[in-house]
Protein backbone atom coordinates (compact mmCIF):
# COMPACT_ATOMS: atom_id res chain seq x y z
CA UNK A 1 0.00 0.00 0.00
CA UNK A 2 2.68 2.51 0.98
CA UNK A 3 6.24 3.23 0.03
CA UNK A 4 9.15 1.40 1.65
CA UNK A 5 10.41 4.67 3.12
CA UNK A 6 7.18 5.34 5.02
CA UNK A 7 7.05 1.84 6.50
CA UNK A 8 10.69 2.02 7.63
CA UNK A 9 10.16 5.44 9.24
CA UNK A 10 7.04 4.40 11.12
CA UNK A 11 8.62 1.14 12.28
CA UNK A 12 10.89 2.92 14.80
CA UNK A 13 8.97 5.73 16.54
CA UNK A 14 11.03 5.66 19.77
CA UNK A 15 14.22 6.49 17.89
CA UNK A 16 12.35 9.25 16.08
CA UNK A 17 11.08 10.75 19.33
CA UNK A 18 14.55 10.53 20.90
CA UNK A 19 16.13 12.27 17.92
CA UNK A 20 13.47 15.00 17.97
CA UNK A 21 13.96 15.56 21.70
CA UNK A 22 17.76 15.72 21.42
CA UNK A 23 17.41 18.05 18.43
CA UNK A 24 15.13 20.43 20.34
CA UNK A 25 17.44 20.52 23.37
CA UNK A 26 20.44 20.97 21.07
CA UNK A 27 18.85 23.82 19.15
CA UNK A 28 17.47 25.55 22.25
CA UNK A 29 21.01 25.75 23.61
CA UNK A 30 22.67 26.75 20.34
CA UNK A 31 20.26 29.29 18.87
CA UNK A 32 20.73 32.17 21.34
CA UNK A 33 24.53 32.23 21.15
CA UNK A 34 25.61 31.00 17.72
CA UNK A 35 25.34 32.32 14.15
CA UNK A 36 23.34 30.49 11.50
CA UNK A 37 26.34 28.90 9.83
CA UNK A 38 27.51 27.27 13.05
CA UNK A 39 24.00 25.96 13.69
CA UNK A 40 23.80 24.49 10.20
CA UNK A 41 27.18 22.80 10.62
CA UNK A 42 26.13 21.39 13.98
CA UNK A 43 22.87 20.12 12.46
CA UNK A 44 24.76 18.47 9.62
CA UNK A 45 27.21 16.82 12.02
CA UNK A 46 24.40 15.70 14.30
CA UNK A 47 22.47 14.05 11.48
CA UNK A 48 25.61 12.40 10.11
CA UNK A 49 26.24 10.88 13.55
CA UNK A 50 22.57 9.87 13.76
CA UNK A 51 22.71 8.03 10.43
CA UNK A 52 26.00 6.34 11.37
CA UNK A 53 24.26 4.99 14.46
CA UNK A 54 21.33 3.79 12.36
CA UNK A 55 23.66 2.08 9.88
CA UNK A 56 25.60 0.36 12.67
CA UNK A 57 22.38 -1.41 13.76
PDB file of N, CA and C in Angstrom:
ATOM      1  N   UNK A   1       0.824  -1.207   0.000  1.00  0.00           N
ATOM      2  CA  UNK A   1       0.000   0.000   0.000  1.00  0.00           C
ATOM      3  C   UNK A   1       0.862   1.262   0.000  1.00  0.00           C
ATOM      4  N   UNK A   2       1.870   1.300   0.888  1.00  0.00           N
ATOM      5  CA  UNK A   2       2.679   2.507   0.984  1.00  0.00           C
ATOM      6  C   UNK A   2       4.078   2.284   0.450  1.00  0.00           C
ATOM      7  N   UNK A   3       4.858   3.323   0.464  1.00  0.00           N
ATOM      8  CA  UNK A   3       6.237   3.226   0.030  1.00  0.00           C
ATOM      9  C   UNK A   3       7.083   2.561   1.103  1.00  0.00           C
ATOM     10  N   UNK A   4       8.253   2.032   0.686  1.00  0.00           N
ATOM     11  CA  UNK A   4       9.152   1.405   1.648  1.00  0.00           C
ATOM     12  C   UNK A   4       9.661   2.414   2.675  1.00  0.00           C
ATOM     13  N   UNK A   5       9.850   3.661   2.219  1.00  0.00           N
ATOM     14  CA  UNK A   5      10.406   4.673   3.121  1.00  0.00           C
ATOM     15  C   UNK A   5       9.444   4.969   4.263  1.00  0.00           C
ATOM     16  N   UNK A   6       8.144   5.021   3.972  1.00  0.00           N
ATOM     17  CA  UNK A   6       7.181   5.342   5.022  1.00  0.00           C
ATOM     18  C   UNK A   6       7.117   4.216   6.037  1.00  0.00           C
ATOM     19  N   UNK A   7       7.148   2.966   5.578  1.00  0.00           N
ATOM     20  CA  UNK A   7       7.051   1.845   6.503  1.00  0.00           C
ATOM     21  C   UNK A   7       8.292   1.773   7.388  1.00  0.00           C
ATOM     22  N   UNK A   8       9.461   2.085   6.839  1.00  0.00           N
ATOM     23  CA  UNK A   8      10.687   2.017   7.635  1.00  0.00           C
ATOM     24  C   UNK A   8      10.722   3.150   8.665  1.00  0.00           C
ATOM     25  N   UNK A   9      10.172   4.312   8.304  1.00  0.00           N
ATOM     26  CA  UNK A   9      10.163   5.440   9.236  1.00  0.00           C
ATOM     27  C   UNK A   9       9.201   5.177  10.387  1.00  0.00           C
ATOM     28  N   UNK A  10       8.039   4.621  10.079  1.00  0.00           N
ATOM     29  CA  UNK A  10       7.042   4.401  11.115  1.00  0.00           C
ATOM     30  C   UNK A  10       7.374   3.185  11.967  1.00  0.00           C
ATOM     31  N   UNK A  11       8.322   2.354  11.537  1.00  0.00           N
ATOM     32  CA  UNK A  11       8.621   1.138  12.276  1.00  0.00           C
ATOM     33  C   UNK A  11       9.443   1.422  13.529  1.00  0.00           C
ATOM     34  N   UNK A  12      10.083   2.610  13.616  1.00  0.00           N
ATOM     35  CA  UNK A  12      10.893   2.918  14.803  1.00  0.00           C
ATOM     36  C   UNK A  12      10.557   4.292  15.376  1.00  0.00           C
ATOM     37  N   UNK A  13       9.354   4.448  15.947  1.00  0.00           N
ATOM     38  CA  UNK A  13       8.968   5.728  16.535  1.00  0.00           C
ATOM     39  C   UNK A  13       9.804   6.145  17.739  1.00  0.00           C
ATOM     40  N   UNK A  14      10.261   5.214  18.606  1.00  0.00           N
ATOM     41  CA  UNK A  14      11.030   5.662  19.770  1.00  0.00           C
ATOM     42  C   UNK A  14      12.316   6.376  19.360  1.00  0.00           C
ATOM     43  N   UNK A  15      12.998   5.855  18.358  1.00  0.00           N
ATOM     44  CA  UNK A  15      14.221   6.491  17.889  1.00  0.00           C
ATOM     45  C   UNK A  15      13.913   7.870  17.333  1.00  0.00           C
ATOM     46  N   UNK A  16      12.771   7.971  16.642  1.00  0.00           N
ATOM     47  CA  UNK A  16      12.352   9.249  16.075  1.00  0.00           C
ATOM     48  C   UNK A  16      12.101  10.265  17.187  1.00  0.00           C
ATOM     49  N   UNK A  17      11.380   9.846  18.222  1.00  0.00           N
ATOM     50  CA  UNK A  17      11.082  10.750  19.335  1.00  0.00           C
ATOM     51  C   UNK A  17      12.365  11.166  20.046  1.00  0.00           C
ATOM     52  N   UNK A  18      13.284  10.215  20.231  1.00  0.00           N
ATOM     53  CA  UNK A  18      14.547  10.530  20.901  1.00  0.00           C
ATOM     54  C   UNK A  18      15.328  11.548  20.097  1.00  0.00           C
ATOM     55  N   UNK A  19      15.392  11.350  18.774  1.00  0.00           N
ATOM     56  CA  UNK A  19      16.130  12.272  17.923  1.00  0.00           C
ATOM     57  C   UNK A  19      15.496  13.663  17.979  1.00  0.00           C
ATOM     58  N   UNK A  20      14.168  13.712  17.944  1.00  0.00           N
ATOM     59  CA  UNK A  20      13.472  15.004  17.972  1.00  0.00           C
ATOM     60  C   UNK A  20      13.739  15.727  19.296  1.00  0.00           C
ATOM     61  N   UNK A  21      13.711  14.969  20.389  1.00  0.00           N
ATOM     62  CA  UNK A  21      13.959  15.562  21.704  1.00  0.00           C
ATOM     63  C   UNK A  21      15.383  16.107  21.788  1.00  0.00           C
ATOM     64  N   UNK A  22      16.358  15.282  21.382  1.00  0.00           N
ATOM     65  CA  UNK A  22      17.756  15.723  21.416  1.00  0.00           C
ATOM     66  C   UNK A  22      17.947  16.938  20.524  1.00  0.00           C
ATOM     67  N   UNK A  23      17.288  16.939  19.378  1.00  0.00           N
ATOM     68  CA  UNK A  23      17.411  18.046  18.435  1.00  0.00           C
ATOM     69  C   UNK A  23      16.867  19.337  19.046  1.00  0.00           C
ATOM     70  N   UNK A  24      15.719  19.241  19.723  1.00  0.00           N
ATOM     71  CA  UNK A  24      15.131  20.434  20.337  1.00  0.00           C
ATOM     72  C   UNK A  24      16.020  20.973  21.455  1.00  0.00           C
ATOM     73  N   UNK A  25      16.547  20.084  22.282  1.00  0.00           N
ATOM     74  CA  UNK A  25      17.439  20.518  23.365  1.00  0.00           C
ATOM     75  C   UNK A  25      18.689  21.166  22.773  1.00  0.00           C
ATOM     76  N   UNK A  26      19.233  20.486  21.748  1.00  0.00           N
ATOM     77  CA  UNK A  26      20.440  20.965  21.075  1.00  0.00           C
ATOM     78  C   UNK A  26      20.225  22.372  20.522  1.00  0.00           C
ATOM     79  N   UNK A  27      19.117  22.534  19.787  1.00  0.00           N
ATOM     80  CA  UNK A  27      18.846  23.817  19.148  1.00  0.00           C
ATOM     81  C   UNK A  27      18.543  24.898  20.191  1.00  0.00           C
ATOM     82  N   UNK A  28      17.834  24.546  21.243  1.00  0.00           N
ATOM     83  CA  UNK A  28      17.468  25.550  22.252  1.00  0.00           C
ATOM     84  C   UNK A  28      18.715  26.098  22.939  1.00  0.00           C
ATOM     85  N   UNK A  29      19.772  25.282  22.996  1.00  0.00           N
ATOM     86  CA  UNK A  29      21.012  25.754  23.606  1.00  0.00           C
ATOM     87  C   UNK A  29      21.883  26.510  22.602  1.00  0.00           C
ATOM     88  N   UNK A  30      21.788  26.143  21.330  1.00  0.00           N
ATOM     89  CA  UNK A  30      22.669  26.751  20.344  1.00  0.00           C
ATOM     90  C   UNK A  30      22.140  28.068  19.791  1.00  0.00           C
ATOM     91  N   UNK A  31      20.835  28.148  19.585  1.00  0.00           N
ATOM     92  CA  UNK A  31      20.255  29.287  18.867  1.00  0.00           C
ATOM     93  C   UNK A  31      20.612  30.644  19.478  1.00  0.00           C
ATOM     94  N   UNK A  32      20.515  30.819  20.798  1.00  0.00           N
ATOM     95  CA  UNK A  32      20.732  32.167  21.338  1.00  0.00           C
ATOM     96  C   UNK A  32      22.161  32.676  21.178  1.00  0.00           C
ATOM     97  N   UNK A  33      23.144  31.789  21.058  1.00  0.00           N
ATOM     98  CA  UNK A  33      24.531  32.233  21.150  1.00  0.00           C
ATOM     99  C   UNK A  33      25.335  32.029  19.877  1.00  0.00           C
ATOM    100  N   UNK A  34      24.802  31.329  18.893  1.00  0.00           N
ATOM    101  CA  UNK A  34      25.615  31.003  17.723  1.00  0.00           C
ATOM    102  C   UNK A  34      24.997  31.530  16.430  1.00  0.00           C
ATOM    103  N   UNK A  35      25.821  31.891  15.463  1.00  0.00           N
ATOM    104  CA  UNK A  35      25.336  32.320  14.150  1.00  0.00           C
ATOM    105  C   UNK A  35      24.777  31.153  13.348  1.00  0.00           C
ATOM    106  N   UNK A  36      24.040  31.502  12.279  1.00  0.00           N
ATOM    107  CA  UNK A  36      23.336  30.488  11.499  1.00  0.00           C
ATOM    108  C   UNK A  36      24.274  29.428  10.927  1.00  0.00           C
ATOM    109  N   UNK A  37      25.444  29.849  10.477  1.00  0.00           N
ATOM    110  CA  UNK A  37      26.342  28.897   9.828  1.00  0.00           C
ATOM    111  C   UNK A  37      26.808  27.826  10.806  1.00  0.00           C
ATOM    112  N   UNK A  38      27.087  28.240  12.038  1.00  0.00           N
ATOM    113  CA  UNK A  38      27.508  27.271  13.051  1.00  0.00           C
ATOM    114  C   UNK A  38      26.373  26.293  13.360  1.00  0.00           C
ATOM    115  N   UNK A  39      25.157  26.824  13.427  1.00  0.00           N
ATOM    116  CA  UNK A  39      23.998  25.962  13.691  1.00  0.00           C
ATOM    117  C   UNK A  39      23.829  24.946  12.565  1.00  0.00           C
ATOM    118  N   UNK A  40      23.956  25.411  11.326  1.00  0.00           N
ATOM    119  CA  UNK A  40      23.798  24.494  10.198  1.00  0.00           C
ATOM    120  C   UNK A  40      24.867  23.416  10.214  1.00  0.00           C
ATOM    121  N   UNK A  41      26.110  23.793  10.533  1.00  0.00           N
ATOM    122  CA  UNK A  41      27.183  22.802  10.617  1.00  0.00           C
ATOM    123  C   UNK A  41      26.906  21.796  11.723  1.00  0.00           C
ATOM    124  N   UNK A  42      26.436  22.284  12.860  1.00  0.00           N
ATOM    125  CA  UNK A  42      26.127  21.392  13.977  1.00  0.00           C
ATOM    126  C   UNK A  42      24.984  20.445  13.608  1.00  0.00           C
ATOM    127  N   UNK A  43      23.972  20.968  12.910  1.00  0.00           N
ATOM    128  CA  UNK A  43      22.867  20.122  12.463  1.00  0.00           C
ATOM    129  C   UNK A  43      23.377  19.035  11.530  1.00  0.00           C
ATOM    130  N   UNK A  44      24.235  19.434  10.585  1.00  0.00           N
ATOM    131  CA  UNK A  44      24.759  18.469   9.621  1.00  0.00           C
ATOM    132  C   UNK A  44      25.552  17.377  10.338  1.00  0.00           C
ATOM    133  N   UNK A  45      26.414  17.795  11.275  1.00  0.00           N
ATOM    134  CA  UNK A  45      27.209  16.822  12.020  1.00  0.00           C
ATOM    135  C   UNK A  45      26.326  15.910  12.855  1.00  0.00           C
ATOM    136  N   UNK A  46      25.299  16.484  13.478  1.00  0.00           N
ATOM    137  CA  UNK A  46      24.396  15.698  14.301  1.00  0.00           C
ATOM    138  C   UNK A  46      23.667  14.644  13.488  1.00  0.00           C
ATOM    139  N   UNK A  47      23.189  15.018  12.305  1.00  0.00           N
ATOM    140  CA  UNK A  47      22.468  14.050  11.484  1.00  0.00           C
ATOM    141  C   UNK A  47      23.407  13.011  10.893  1.00  0.00           C
ATOM    142  N   UNK A  48      24.648  13.383  10.595  1.00  0.00           N
ATOM    143  CA  UNK A  48      25.614  12.395  10.114  1.00  0.00           C
ATOM    144  C   UNK A  48      25.872  11.356  11.196  1.00  0.00           C
ATOM    145  N   UNK A  49      26.042  11.816  12.437  1.00  0.00           N
ATOM    146  CA  UNK A  49      26.240  10.883  13.548  1.00  0.00           C
ATOM    147  C   UNK A  49      25.011  10.000  13.720  1.00  0.00           C
ATOM    148  N   UNK A  50      23.830  10.601  13.598  1.00  0.00           N
ATOM    149  CA  UNK A  50      22.567   9.870  13.757  1.00  0.00           C
ATOM    150  C   UNK A  50      22.468   8.751  12.726  1.00  0.00           C
ATOM    151  N   UNK A  51      22.809   9.042  11.471  1.00  0.00           N
ATOM    152  CA  UNK A  51      22.710   8.029  10.434  1.00  0.00           C
ATOM    153  C   UNK A  51      23.790   6.963  10.588  1.00  0.00           C
ATOM    154  N   UNK A  52      24.967   7.350  11.104  1.00  0.00           N
ATOM    155  CA  UNK A  52      25.996   6.345  11.368  1.00  0.00           C
ATOM    156  C   UNK A  52      25.513   5.354  12.417  1.00  0.00           C
ATOM    157  N   UNK A  53      24.815   5.872  13.431  1.00  0.00           N
ATOM    158  CA  UNK A  53      24.261   4.987  14.463  1.00  0.00           C
ATOM    159  C   UNK A  53      23.217   4.069  13.851  1.00  0.00           C
ATOM    160  N   UNK A  54      22.357   4.614  13.002  1.00  0.00           N
ATOM    161  CA  UNK A  54      21.329   3.789  12.356  1.00  0.00           C
ATOM    162  C   UNK A  54      21.963   2.694  11.515  1.00  0.00           C
ATOM    163  N   UNK A  55      23.006   3.049  10.762  1.00  0.00           N
ATOM    164  CA  UNK A  55      23.656   2.077   9.878  1.00  0.00           C
ATOM    165  C   UNK A  55      24.339   0.982  10.694  1.00  0.00           C
ATOM    166  N   UNK A  56      24.875   1.355  11.871  1.00  0.00           N
ATOM    167  CA  UNK A  56      25.600   0.363  12.674  1.00  0.00           C
ATOM    168  C   UNK A  56      24.656  -0.720  13.211  1.00  0.00           C
ATOM    169  N   UNK A  57      23.352  -0.389  13.369  1.00  0.00           N
ATOM    170  CA  UNK A  57      22.382  -1.406  13.764  1.00  0.00           C
ATOM    171  C   UNK A  57      22.071  -2.274  12.560  1.00  0.00           C
TER     172      UNK A  57
END
